[in-house]
Amino acid sequence: MKKTDLDKNQGLAIAHRLKNSAKAKLAKKDQAQADKKKIIKQNPLLASLIKNN
């Protein structure tokens, strides 16, 4: 393989890892929002406080 091919493959690998890490962060954020909604449904006092803000 040529050096340019190796550099290209390495660059693509890094780009792929960055893309996957961004997806993981979004999934974590969505999970946190779902957990927050679940807690709010369980506690009406908390729900009323959050709605007032």
C-alpha atoms as a PDB file:
ATOM      1  CA  MET A   1       0.000   0.000   0.000  1.00  0.00           C
ATOM      2  CA  LYS A   2       1.069   3.525  -0.598  1.00  0.00           C
ATOM      3  CA  LYS A   3       1.549   5.953   2.239  1.00  0.00           C
ATOM      4  CA  THR A   4      -1.374   8.056   0.951  1.00  0.00           C
ATOM      5  CA  ASP A   5      -3.679   5.041   1.188  1.00  0.00           C
ATOM      6  CA  LEU A   6      -2.619   4.446   4.769  1.00  0.00           C
ATOM      7  CA  ASP A   7      -3.195   8.113   5.632  1.00  0.00           C
ATOM      8  CA  LYS A   8      -6.610   8.029   3.976  1.00  0.00           C
ATOM      9  CA  ASN A   9      -7.624   4.903   5.901  1.00  0.00           C
ATOM     10  CA  GLN A  10      -6.426   6.407   9.160  1.00  0.00           C
ATOM     11  CA  GLY A  11      -8.367   9.607   8.479  1.00  0.00           C
ATOM     12  CA  LEU A  12     -11.515   7.644   7.670  1.00  0.00           C
ATOM     13  CA  ALA A  13     -11.136   5.621  10.872  1.00  0.00           C
ATOM     14  CA  ILE A  14     -10.867   8.799  12.946  1.00  0.00           C
ATOM     15  CA  ALA A  15     -13.892  10.328  11.200  1.00  0.00           C
ATOM     16  CA  HIS A  16     -15.887   7.154  11.867  1.00  0.00           C
ATOM     17  CA  ARG A  17     -14.984   7.211  15.574  1.00  0.00           C
ATOM     18  CA  LEU A  18     -15.972  10.867  15.851  1.00  0.00           C
ATOM     19  CA  LYS A  19     -19.313  10.189  14.180  1.00  0.00           C
ATOM     20  CA  ASN A  20     -20.031   7.289  16.519  1.00  0.00           C
ATOM     21  CA  SER A  21     -19.095   9.290  19.599  1.00  0.00           C
ATOM     22  CA  ALA A  22     -21.482  12.058  18.522  1.00  0.00           C
ATOM     23  CA  LYS A  23     -24.274   9.498  18.191  1.00  0.00           C
ATOM     24  CA  ALA A  24     -23.494   8.152  21.651  1.00  0.00           C
ATOM     25  CA  LYS A  25     -23.680  11.639  23.147  1.00  0.00           C
ATOM     26  CA  LEU A  26     -27.072  12.234  21.523  1.00  0.00           C
ATOM     27  CA  ALA A  27     -28.367   8.901  22.780  1.00  0.00           C
ATOM     28  CA  LYS A  28     -27.177   9.740  26.290  1.00  0.00           C
ATOM     29  CA  LYS A  29     -28.917  13.127  26.111  1.00  0.00           C
ATOM     30  CA  ASP A  30     -32.165  11.534  24.896  1.00  0.00           C
ATOM     31  CA  GLN A  31     -31.998   8.987  27.718  1.00  0.00           C
ATOM     32  CA  ALA A  32     -31.517  11.757  30.270  1.00  0.00           C
ATOM     33  CA  GLN A  33     -34.574  13.590  28.944  1.00  0.00           C
ATOM     34  CA  ALA A  34     -36.634  10.401  29.090  1.00  0.00           C
ATOM     35  CA  ASP A  35     -35.532   9.807  32.678  1.00  0.00           C
ATOM     36  CA  LYS A  36     -36.456  13.367  33.591  1.00  0.00           C
ATOM     37  CA  LYS A  37     -39.933  12.968  32.083  1.00  0.00           C
ATOM     38  CA  LYS A  38     -40.411   9.698  33.976  1.00  0.00           C
ATOM     39  CA  ILE A  39     -39.451  11.337  37.280  1.00  0.00           C
ATOM     40  CA  ILE A  40     -41.766  14.272  36.609  1.00  0.00           C
ATOM     41  CA  LYS A  41     -44.701  11.928  35.987  1.00  0.00           C
ATOM     42  CA  GLN A  42     -44.049  10.177  39.290  1.00  0.00           C
ATOM     43  CA  ASN A  43     -43.851  13.391  41.333  1.00  0.00           C
ATOM     44  CA  PRO A  44     -46.672  15.908  40.736  1.00  0.00           C
ATOM     45  CA  LEU A  45     -45.087  18.505  43.039  1.00  0.00           C
ATOM     46  CA  LEU A  46     -41.911  18.474  40.981  1.00  0.00           C
ATOM     47  CA  ALA A  47     -43.971  18.721  37.791  1.00  0.00           C
ATOM     48  CA  SER A  48     -45.784  21.803  39.086  1.00  0.00           C
ATOM     49  CA  LEU A  49     -42.492  23.462  40.043  1.00  0.00           C
ATOM     50  CA  ILE A  50     -40.943  22.813  36.638  1.00  0.00           C
ATOM     51  CA  LYS A  51     -44.027  24.082  34.782  1.00  0.00           C
ATOM     52  CA  ASN A  52     -43.893  27.378  36.707  1.00  0.00           C
ATOM     53  CA  ASN A  53     -40.345  28.099  35.536  1.00  0.00           C
END
